[in-house]
Amino acid sequence: MSLQFQRSNGHPEPEVIVNYADGYAYSKSKFEEGLRIVLADKPAKPAKTHSGLKKEDIDLIVSELEIPRAQAEKALLENNGDITKTLQALITP
């Protein structure tokens, strides 16, 4: 292995994607590592239905209370999409 492709600590130089005139270089491995960090930190957007309600909230109500989807959506709309208020309204006689 030639000395020009090794760092002083003995590890090989990373694959360089681009060398810029000002001396900066971007390596593939560092780019991928940074991208992985950014994608892992980004929270997933909750899925919303056409009415603006969260799909997860509707699914929770339907599965836990065993009521029709339309009734769950109506109840959520009446409570401005607040899952806590909706569940309390549905279980309170």
PDB file of N, CA and C in Angstrom:
ATOM      1  N   MET A   1       0.839  -1.165   0.000  1.00  0.00           N
ATOM      2  CA  MET A   1       0.000   0.000   0.000  1.00  0.00           C
ATOM      3  C   MET A   1       0.889   1.234   0.000  1.00  0.00           C
ATOM      4  N   SER A   2       0.567   2.200  -0.829  1.00  0.00           N
ATOM      5  CA  SER A   2       1.429   3.373  -0.907  1.00  0.00           C
ATOM      6  C   SER A   2       1.160   4.305   0.261  1.00  0.00           C
ATOM      7  N   LEU A   3       2.142   5.080   0.643  1.00  0.00           N
ATOM      8  CA  LEU A   3       2.043   5.981   1.780  1.00  0.00           C
ATOM      9  C   LEU A   3       1.106   7.151   1.518  1.00  0.00           C
ATOM     10  N   GLN A   4       0.878   7.530   0.299  1.00  0.00           N
ATOM     11  CA  GLN A   4       0.024   8.683   0.023  1.00  0.00           C
ATOM     12  C   GLN A   4      -1.450   8.383   0.312  1.00  0.00           C
ATOM     13  N   PHE A   5      -1.840   7.109   0.409  1.00  0.00           N
ATOM     14  CA  PHE A   5      -3.223   6.759   0.672  1.00  0.00           C
ATOM     15  C   PHE A   5      -3.458   6.345   2.117  1.00  0.00           C
ATOM     16  N   GLN A   6      -2.439   6.501   2.973  1.00  0.00           N
ATOM     17  CA  GLN A   6      -2.596   6.162   4.381  1.00  0.00           C
ATOM     18  C   GLN A   6      -2.461   7.406   5.231  1.00  0.00           C
ATOM     19  N   ARG A   7      -3.255   7.424   6.301  1.00  0.00           N
ATOM     20  CA  ARG A   7      -3.120   8.498   7.283  1.00  0.00           C
ATOM     21  C   ARG A   7      -1.955   8.154   8.198  1.00  0.00           C
ATOM     22  N   SER A   8      -1.619   9.069   9.068  1.00  0.00           N
ATOM     23  CA  SER A   8      -0.500   8.831   9.963  1.00  0.00           C
ATOM     24  C   SER A   8      -0.811   7.756  11.008  1.00  0.00           C
ATOM     25  N   ASN A   9      -2.112   7.468  11.281  1.00  0.00           N
ATOM     26  CA  ASN A   9      -2.450   6.457  12.278  1.00  0.00           C
ATOM     27  C   ASN A   9      -2.564   5.062  11.671  1.00  0.00           C
ATOM     28  N   GLY A  10      -2.295   4.901  10.388  1.00  0.00           N
ATOM     29  CA  GLY A  10      -2.298   3.598   9.763  1.00  0.00           C
ATOM     30  C   GLY A  10      -3.599   3.207   9.095  1.00  0.00           C
ATOM     31  N   HIS A  11      -4.668   3.990   9.309  1.00  0.00           N
ATOM     32  CA  HIS A  11      -5.941   3.682   8.662  1.00  0.00           C
ATOM     33  C   HIS A  11      -5.967   4.250   7.253  1.00  0.00           C
ATOM     34  N   PRO A  12      -6.563   3.529   6.320  1.00  0.00           N
ATOM     35  CA  PRO A  12      -6.608   4.040   4.950  1.00  0.00           C
ATOM     36  C   PRO A  12      -7.494   5.290   4.841  1.00  0.00           C
ATOM     37  N   GLU A  13      -7.163   6.098   3.881  1.00  0.00           N
ATOM     38  CA  GLU A  13      -7.927   7.326   3.601  1.00  0.00           C
ATOM     39  C   GLU A  13      -9.332   6.934   3.128  1.00  0.00           C
ATOM     40  N   PRO A  14     -10.381   7.615   3.603  1.00  0.00           N
ATOM     41  CA  PRO A  14     -11.731   7.271   3.155  1.00  0.00           C
ATOM     42  C   PRO A  14     -11.932   7.620   1.687  1.00  0.00           C
ATOM     43  N   GLU A  15     -12.908   6.973   1.086  1.00  0.00           N
ATOM     44  CA  GLU A  15     -13.225   7.257  -0.307  1.00  0.00           C
ATOM     45  C   GLU A  15     -13.719   8.700  -0.416  1.00  0.00           C
ATOM     46  N   VAL A  16     -13.063   9.491  -1.223  1.00  0.00           N
ATOM     47  CA  VAL A  16     -13.413  10.899  -1.361  1.00  0.00           C
ATOM     48  C   VAL A  16     -14.394  11.059  -2.507  1.00  0.00           C
ATOM     49  N   ILE A  17     -15.509  11.756  -2.222  1.00  0.00           N
ATOM     50  CA  ILE A  17     -16.505  12.023  -3.256  1.00  0.00           C
ATOM     51  C   ILE A  17     -16.107  13.250  -4.069  1.00  0.00           C
ATOM     52  N   VAL A  18     -15.784  14.334  -3.359  1.00  0.00           N
ATOM     53  CA  VAL A  18     -15.478  15.596  -4.038  1.00  0.00           C
ATOM     54  C   VAL A  18     -14.306  16.272  -3.348  1.00  0.00           C
ATOM     55  N   ASN A  19     -13.354  16.774  -4.128  1.00  0.00           N
ATOM     56  CA  ASN A  19     -12.291  17.635  -3.622  1.00  0.00           C
ATOM     57  C   ASN A  19     -12.556  19.043  -4.120  1.00  0.00           C
ATOM     58  N   TYR A  20     -12.603  19.996  -3.199  1.00  0.00           N
ATOM     59  CA  TYR A  20     -12.865  21.386  -3.568  1.00  0.00           C
ATOM     60  C   TYR A  20     -11.563  22.170  -3.644  1.00  0.00           C
ATOM     61  N   ALA A  21     -11.569  23.257  -4.370  1.00  0.00           N
ATOM     62  CA  ALA A  21     -10.374  24.075  -4.574  1.00  0.00           C
ATOM     63  C   ALA A  21      -9.862  24.673  -3.268  1.00  0.00           C
ATOM     64  N   ASP A  22     -10.741  24.916  -2.299  1.00  0.00           N
ATOM     65  CA  ASP A  22     -10.309  25.506  -1.040  1.00  0.00           C
ATOM     66  C   ASP A  22      -9.688  24.482  -0.083  1.00  0.00           C
ATOM     67  N   GLY A  23      -9.567  23.214  -0.528  1.00  0.00           N
ATOM     68  CA  GLY A  23      -8.905  22.204   0.275  1.00  0.00           C
ATOM     69  C   GLY A  23      -9.838  21.260   1.007  1.00  0.00           C
ATOM     70  N   TYR A  24     -11.125  21.560   1.041  1.00  0.00           N
ATOM     71  CA  TYR A  24     -12.071  20.680   1.714  1.00  0.00           C
ATOM     72  C   TYR A  24     -12.415  19.484   0.832  1.00  0.00           C
ATOM     73  N   ALA A  25     -12.651  18.356   1.464  1.00  0.00           N
ATOM     74  CA  ALA A  25     -13.045  17.147   0.745  1.00  0.00           C
ATOM     75  C   ALA A  25     -14.171  16.472   1.527  1.00  0.00           C
ATOM     76  N   TYR A  26     -15.087  15.875   0.816  1.00  0.00           N
ATOM     77  CA  TYR A  26     -16.200  15.181   1.442  1.00  0.00           C
ATOM     78  C   TYR A  26     -16.093  13.702   1.112  1.00  0.00           C
ATOM     79  N   SER A  27     -16.111  12.872   2.153  1.00  0.00           N
ATOM     80  CA  SER A  27     -15.965  11.438   1.941  1.00  0.00           C
ATOM     81  C   SER A  27     -17.318  10.753   1.992  1.00  0.00           C
ATOM     82  N   LYS A  28     -17.401   9.658   1.293  1.00  0.00           N
ATOM     83  CA  LYS A  28     -18.644   8.893   1.218  1.00  0.00           C
ATOM     84  C   LYS A  28     -19.038   8.368   2.590  1.00  0.00           C
ATOM     85  N   SER A  29     -18.110   7.829   3.326  1.00  0.00           N
ATOM     86  CA  SER A  29     -18.437   7.234   4.627  1.00  0.00           C
ATOM     87  C   SER A  29     -18.927   8.289   5.616  1.00  0.00           C
ATOM     88  N   LYS A  30     -18.293   9.450   5.635  1.00  0.00           N
ATOM     89  CA  LYS A  30     -18.731  10.511   6.544  1.00  0.00           C
ATOM     90  C   LYS A  30     -20.086  11.063   6.121  1.00  0.00           C
ATOM     91  N   PHE A  31     -20.322  11.154   4.835  1.00  0.00           N
ATOM     92  CA  PHE A  31     -21.609  11.619   4.330  1.00  0.00           C
ATOM     93  C   PHE A  31     -22.717  10.648   4.743  1.00  0.00           C
ATOM     94  N   GLU A  32     -22.487   9.349   4.540  1.00  0.00           N
ATOM     95  CA  GLU A  32     -23.482   8.343   4.907  1.00  0.00           C
ATOM     96  C   GLU A  32     -23.740   8.341   6.408  1.00  0.00           C
ATOM     97  N   GLU A  33     -22.700   8.497   7.209  1.00  0.00           N
ATOM     98  CA  GLU A  33     -22.855   8.530   8.659  1.00  0.00           C
ATOM     99  C   GLU A  33     -23.696   9.736   9.082  1.00  0.00           C
ATOM    100  N   GLY A  34     -23.419  10.885   8.508  1.00  0.00           N
ATOM    101  CA  GLY A  34     -24.191  12.085   8.813  1.00  0.00           C
ATOM    102  C   GLY A  34     -25.640  11.956   8.384  1.00  0.00           C
ATOM    103  N   LEU A  35     -25.858  11.369   7.229  1.00  0.00           N
ATOM    104  CA  LEU A  35     -27.215  11.169   6.722  1.00  0.00           C
ATOM    105  C   LEU A  35     -27.993  10.223   7.628  1.00  0.00           C
ATOM    106  N   ARG A  36     -27.330   9.172   8.091  1.00  0.00           N
ATOM    107  CA  ARG A  36     -27.975   8.216   8.995  1.00  0.00           C
ATOM    108  C   ARG A  36     -28.395   8.903  10.291  1.00  0.00           C
ATOM    109  N   ILE A  37     -27.559   9.768  10.814  1.00  0.00           N
ATOM    110  CA  ILE A  37     -27.857  10.492  12.057  1.00  0.00           C
ATOM    111  C   ILE A  37     -29.050  11.411  11.849  1.00  0.00           C
ATOM    112  N   VAL A  38     -29.057  12.135  10.742  1.00  0.00           N
ATOM    113  CA  VAL A  38     -30.147  13.063  10.457  1.00  0.00           C
ATOM    114  C   VAL A  38     -31.463  12.318  10.288  1.00  0.00           C
ATOM    115  N   LEU A  39     -31.454  11.222   9.554  1.00  0.00           N
ATOM    116  CA  LEU A  39     -32.681  10.463   9.327  1.00  0.00           C
ATOM    117  C   LEU A  39     -33.178   9.791  10.599  1.00  0.00           C
ATOM    118  N   ALA A  40     -32.274   9.373  11.463  1.00  0.00           N
ATOM    119  CA  ALA A  40     -32.675   8.721  12.710  1.00  0.00           C
ATOM    120  C   ALA A  40     -33.277   9.724  13.690  1.00  0.00           C
ATOM    121  N   ASP A  41     -32.842  10.967  13.661  1.00  0.00           N
ATOM    122  CA  ASP A  41     -33.334  11.985  14.587  1.00  0.00           C
ATOM    123  C   ASP A  41     -34.647  12.607  14.139  1.00  0.00           C
ATOM    124  N   LYS A  42     -34.996  12.442  12.884  1.00  0.00           N
ATOM    125  CA  LYS A  42     -36.199  13.083  12.360  1.00  0.00           C
ATOM    126  C   LYS A  42     -37.436  12.300  12.801  1.00  0.00           C
ATOM    127  N   PRO A  43     -38.337  12.940  13.547  1.00  0.00           N
ATOM    128  CA  PRO A  43     -39.540  12.233  13.963  1.00  0.00           C
ATOM    129  C   PRO A  43     -40.473  11.988  12.781  1.00  0.00           C
ATOM    130  N   ALA A  44     -41.120  10.843  12.809  1.00  0.00           N
ATOM    131  CA  ALA A  44     -42.061  10.523  11.738  1.00  0.00           C
ATOM    132  C   ALA A  44     -43.312  11.376  11.889  1.00  0.00           C
ATOM    133  N   LYS A  45     -43.834  11.839  10.760  1.00  0.00           N
ATOM    134  CA  LYS A  45     -45.067  12.613  10.794  1.00  0.00           C
ATOM    135  C   LYS A  45     -46.236  11.659  10.989  1.00  0.00           C
ATOM    136  N   PRO A  46     -47.149  12.018  11.895  1.00  0.00           N
ATOM    137  CA  PRO A  46     -48.307  11.150  12.070  1.00  0.00           C
ATOM    138  C   PRO A  46     -49.226  11.211  10.855  1.00  0.00           C
ATOM    139  N   ALA A  47     -49.773  10.070  10.491  1.00  0.00           N
ATOM    140  CA  ALA A  47     -50.675  10.022   9.345  1.00  0.00           C
ATOM    141  C   ALA A  47     -51.993  10.675   9.712  1.00  0.00           C
ATOM    142  N   LYS A  48     -52.515  11.488   8.818  1.00  0.00           N
ATOM    143  CA  LYS A  48     -53.788  12.159   9.056  1.00  0.00           C
ATOM    144  C   LYS A  48     -54.778  11.759   7.984  1.00  0.00           C
ATOM    145  N   THR A  49     -56.031  11.743   8.366  1.00  0.00           N
ATOM    146  CA  THR A  49     -57.087  11.416   7.421  1.00  0.00           C
ATOM    147  C   THR A  49     -57.504  12.691   6.689  1.00  0.00           C
ATOM    148  N   HIS A  50     -58.418  12.557   5.753  1.00  0.00           N
ATOM    149  CA  HIS A  50     -58.886  13.709   4.985  1.00  0.00           C
ATOM    150  C   HIS A  50     -59.560  14.752   5.873  1.00  0.00           C
ATOM    151  N   SER A  51     -60.063  14.361   7.045  1.00  0.00           N
ATOM    152  CA  SER A  51     -60.726  15.296   7.952  1.00  0.00           C
ATOM    153  C   SER A  51     -59.738  15.975   8.895  1.00  0.00           C
ATOM    154  N   GLY A  52     -58.452  15.638   8.786  1.00  0.00           N
ATOM    155  CA  GLY A  52     -57.431  16.246   9.631  1.00  0.00           C
ATOM    156  C   GLY A  52     -57.205  15.482  10.922  1.00  0.00           C
ATOM    157  N   LEU A  53     -57.898  14.377  11.116  1.00  0.00           N
ATOM    158  CA  LEU A  53     -57.727  13.570  12.317  1.00  0.00           C
ATOM    159  C   LEU A  53     -56.559  12.609  12.130  1.00  0.00           C
ATOM    160  N   LYS A  54     -55.922  12.268  13.235  1.00  0.00           N
ATOM    161  CA  LYS A  54     -54.810  11.319  13.170  1.00  0.00           C
ATOM    162  C   LYS A  54     -55.350   9.901  13.009  1.00  0.00           C
ATOM    163  N   LYS A  55     -54.787   9.202  12.048  1.00  0.00           N
ATOM    164  CA  LYS A  55     -55.211   7.830  11.772  1.00  0.00           C
ATOM    165  C   LYS A  55     -54.975   6.929  12.985  1.00  0.00           C
ATOM    166  N   GLU A  56     -53.875   7.159  13.711  1.00  0.00           N
ATOM    167  CA  GLU A  56     -53.561   6.359  14.885  1.00  0.00           C
ATOM    168  C   GLU A  56     -54.626   6.523  15.961  1.00  0.00           C
ATOM    169  N   ASP A  57     -55.150   7.752  16.122  1.00  0.00           N
ATOM    170  CA  ASP A  57     -56.183   7.997  17.124  1.00  0.00           C
ATOM    171  C   ASP A  57     -57.468   7.254  16.774  1.00  0.00           C
ATOM    172  N   ILE A  58     -57.847   7.312  15.514  1.00  0.00           N
ATOM    173  CA  ILE A  58     -59.059   6.616  15.072  1.00  0.00           C
ATOM    174  C   ILE A  58     -58.903   5.110  15.268  1.00  0.00           C
ATOM    175  N   ASP A  59     -57.754   4.579  14.867  1.00  0.00           N
ATOM    176  CA  ASP A  59     -57.494   3.142  15.015  1.00  0.00           C
ATOM    177  C   ASP A  59     -57.529   2.714  16.483  1.00  0.00           C
ATOM    178  N   LEU A  60     -56.997   3.550  17.374  1.00  0.00           N
ATOM    179  CA  LEU A  60     -56.987   3.249  18.799  1.00  0.00           C
ATOM    180  C   LEU A  60     -58.418   3.146  19.328  1.00  0.00           C
ATOM    181  N   ILE A  61     -59.242   4.122  18.992  1.00  0.00           N
ATOM    182  CA  ILE A  61     -60.622   4.123  19.468  1.00  0.00           C
ATOM    183  C   ILE A  61     -61.383   2.922  18.923  1.00  0.00           C
ATOM    184  N   VAL A  62     -61.226   2.651  17.642  1.00  0.00           N
ATOM    185  CA  VAL A  62     -61.928   1.523  17.018  1.00  0.00           C
ATOM    186  C   VAL A  62     -61.512   0.201  17.658  1.00  0.00           C
ATOM    187  N   SER A  63     -60.226   0.010  17.883  1.00  0.00           N
ATOM    188  CA  SER A  63     -59.754  -1.273  18.419  1.00  0.00           C
ATOM    189  C   SER A  63     -60.054  -1.432  19.908  1.00  0.00           C
ATOM    190  N   GLU A  64     -59.913  -0.367  20.681  1.00  0.00           N
ATOM    191  CA  GLU A  64     -60.108  -0.471  22.125  1.00  0.00           C
ATOM    192  C   GLU A  64     -61.581  -0.489  22.527  1.00  0.00           C
ATOM    193  N   LEU A  65     -62.396   0.322  21.884  1.00  0.00           N
ATOM    194  CA  LEU A  65     -63.802   0.411  22.260  1.00  0.00           C
ATOM    195  C   LEU A  65     -64.710  -0.434  21.381  1.00  0.00           C
ATOM    196  N   GLU A  66     -64.115  -0.999  20.342  1.00  0.00           N
ATOM    197  CA  GLU A  66     -64.860  -1.855  19.416  1.00  0.00           C
ATOM    198  C   GLU A  66     -66.115  -1.159  18.887  1.00  0.00           C
ATOM    199  N   ILE A  67     -65.912   0.044  18.369  1.00  0.00           N
ATOM    200  CA  ILE A  67     -67.001   0.795  17.761  1.00  0.00           C
ATOM    201  C   ILE A  67     -66.688   0.994  16.282  1.00  0.00           C
ATOM    202  N   PRO A  68     -67.689   1.303  15.459  1.00  0.00           N
ATOM    203  CA  PRO A  68     -67.436   1.531  14.035  1.00  0.00           C
ATOM    204  C   PRO A  68     -66.515   2.737  13.807  1.00  0.00           C
ATOM    205  N   ARG A  69     -65.777   2.672  12.728  1.00  0.00           N
ATOM    206  CA  ARG A  69     -64.832   3.739  12.381  1.00  0.00           C
ATOM    207  C   ARG A  69     -65.536   5.089  12.239  1.00  0.00           C
ATOM    208  N   ALA A  70     -66.703   5.084  11.629  1.00  0.00           N
ATOM    209  CA  ALA A  70     -67.444   6.336  11.433  1.00  0.00           C
ATOM    210  C   ALA A  70     -67.804   6.970  12.773  1.00  0.00           C
ATOM    211  N   GLN A  71     -68.185   6.158  13.734  1.00  0.00           N
ATOM    212  CA  GLN A  71     -68.533   6.675  15.062  1.00  0.00           C
ATOM    213  C   GLN A  71     -67.295   7.244  15.760  1.00  0.00           C
ATOM    214  N   ALA A  72     -66.154   6.581  15.588  1.00  0.00           N
ATOM    215  CA  ALA A  72     -64.905   7.065  16.185  1.00  0.00           C
ATOM    216  C   ALA A  72     -64.503   8.404  15.574  1.00  0.00           C
ATOM    217  N   GLU A  73     -64.625   8.518  14.249  1.00  0.00           N
ATOM    218  CA  GLU A  73     -64.290   9.783  13.588  1.00  0.00           C
ATOM    219  C   GLU A  73     -65.220  10.894  14.039  1.00  0.00           C
ATOM    220  N   LYS A  74     -66.502  10.607  14.131  1.00  0.00           N
ATOM    221  CA  LYS A  74     -67.483  11.614  14.558  1.00  0.00           C
ATOM    222  C   LYS A  74     -67.162  12.097  15.972  1.00  0.00           C
ATOM    223  N   ALA A  75     -66.862  11.153  16.868  1.00  0.00           N
ATOM    224  CA  ALA A  75     -66.546  11.505  18.246  1.00  0.00           C
ATOM    225  C   ALA A  75     -65.280  12.361  18.319  1.00  0.00           C
ATOM    226  N   LEU A  76     -64.274  12.018  17.543  1.00  0.00           N
ATOM    227  CA  LEU A  76     -63.040  12.818  17.514  1.00  0.00           C
ATOM    228  C   LEU A  76     -63.302  14.223  16.981  1.00  0.00           C
ATOM    229  N   LEU A  77     -64.115  14.329  15.944  1.00  0.00           N
ATOM    230  CA  LEU A  77     -64.446  15.646  15.392  1.00  0.00           C
ATOM    231  C   LEU A  77     -65.188  16.496  16.409  1.00  0.00           C
ATOM    232  N   GLU A  78     -66.096  15.890  17.154  1.00  0.00           N
ATOM    233  CA  GLU A  78     -66.855  16.619  18.174  1.00  0.00           C
ATOM    234  C   GLU A  78     -65.961  17.131  19.296  1.00  0.00           C
ATOM    235  N   ASN A  79     -64.839  16.460  19.517  1.00  0.00           N
ATOM    236  CA  ASN A  79     -63.896  16.845  20.574  1.00  0.00           C
ATOM    237  C   ASN A  79     -62.633  17.480  20.013  1.00  0.00           C
ATOM    238  N   ASN A  80     -62.728  18.039  18.809  1.00  0.00           N
ATOM    239  CA  ASN A  80     -61.615  18.761  18.166  1.00  0.00           C
ATOM    240  C   ASN A  80     -60.345  17.929  18.032  1.00  0.00           C
ATOM    241  N   GLY A  81     -60.498  16.617  17.848  1.00  0.00           N
ATOM    242  CA  GLY A  81     -59.350  15.745  17.635  1.00  0.00           C
ATOM    243  C   GLY A  81     -58.585  15.386  18.888  1.00  0.00           C
ATOM    244  N   ASP A  82     -59.070  15.806  20.058  1.00  0.00           N
ATOM    245  CA  ASP A  82     -58.397  15.501  21.324  1.00  0.00           C
ATOM    246  C   ASP A  82     -58.744  14.073  21.735  1.00  0.00           C
ATOM    247  N   ILE A  83     -57.777  13.191  21.702  1.00  0.00           N
ATOM    248  CA  ILE A  83     -58.003  11.780  21.984  1.00  0.00           C
ATOM    249  C   ILE A  83     -58.446  11.551  23.422  1.00  0.00           C
ATOM    250  N   THR A  84     -57.882  12.289  24.370  1.00  0.00           N
ATOM    251  CA  THR A  84     -58.240  12.117  25.776  1.00  0.00           C
ATOM    252  C   THR A  84     -59.703  12.481  26.016  1.00  0.00           C
ATOM    253  N   LYS A  85     -60.111  13.645  25.528  1.00  0.00           N
ATOM    254  CA  LYS A  85     -61.503  14.082  25.692  1.00  0.00           C
ATOM    255  C   LYS A  85     -62.459  13.133  24.973  1.00  0.00           C
ATOM    256  N   THR A  86     -62.053  12.653  23.813  1.00  0.00           N
ATOM    257  CA  THR A  86     -62.897  11.740  23.047  1.00  0.00           C
ATOM    258  C   THR A  86     -63.106  10.434  23.792  1.00  0.00           C
ATOM    259  N   LEU A  87     -62.044   9.856  24.325  1.00  0.00           N
ATOM    260  CA  LEU A  87     -62.165   8.607  25.074  1.00  0.00           C
ATOM    261  C   LEU A  87     -63.023   8.803  26.316  1.00  0.00           C
ATOM    262  N   GLN A  88     -62.851   9.917  27.014  1.00  0.00           N
ATOM    263  CA  GLN A  88     -63.663  10.184  28.190  1.00  0.00           C
ATOM    264  C   GLN A  88     -65.128  10.341  27.829  1.00  0.00           C
ATOM    265  N   ALA A  89     -65.412  11.025  26.724  1.00  0.00           N
ATOM    266  CA  ALA A  89     -66.789  11.219  26.278  1.00  0.00           C
ATOM    267  C   ALA A  89     -67.427   9.888  25.875  1.00  0.00           C
ATOM    268  N   LEU A  90     -66.665   9.013  25.273  1.00  0.00           N
ATOM    269  CA  LEU A  90     -67.210   7.739  24.808  1.00  0.00           C
ATOM    270  C   LEU A  90     -67.455   6.731  25.948  1.00  0.00           C
ATOM    271  N   ILE A  91     -66.667   6.808  27.010  1.00  0.00           N
ATOM    272  CA  ILE A  91     -66.846   5.831  28.090  1.00  0.00           C
ATOM    273  C   ILE A  91     -67.699   6.366  29.234  1.00  0.00           C
ATOM    274  N   THR A  92     -67.975   7.663  29.249  1.00  0.00           N
ATOM    275  CA  THR A  92     -68.819   8.237  30.295  1.00  0.00           C
ATOM    276  C   THR A  92     -70.289   8.068  29.907  1.00  0.00           C
ATOM    277  N   PRO A  93     -71.090   7.457  30.830  1.00  0.00           N
ATOM    278  CA  PRO A  93     -72.510   7.244  30.489  1.00  0.00           C
ATOM    279  C   PRO A  93     -73.318   8.527  30.426  1.00  0.00           C
TER     280      PRO A  93
END
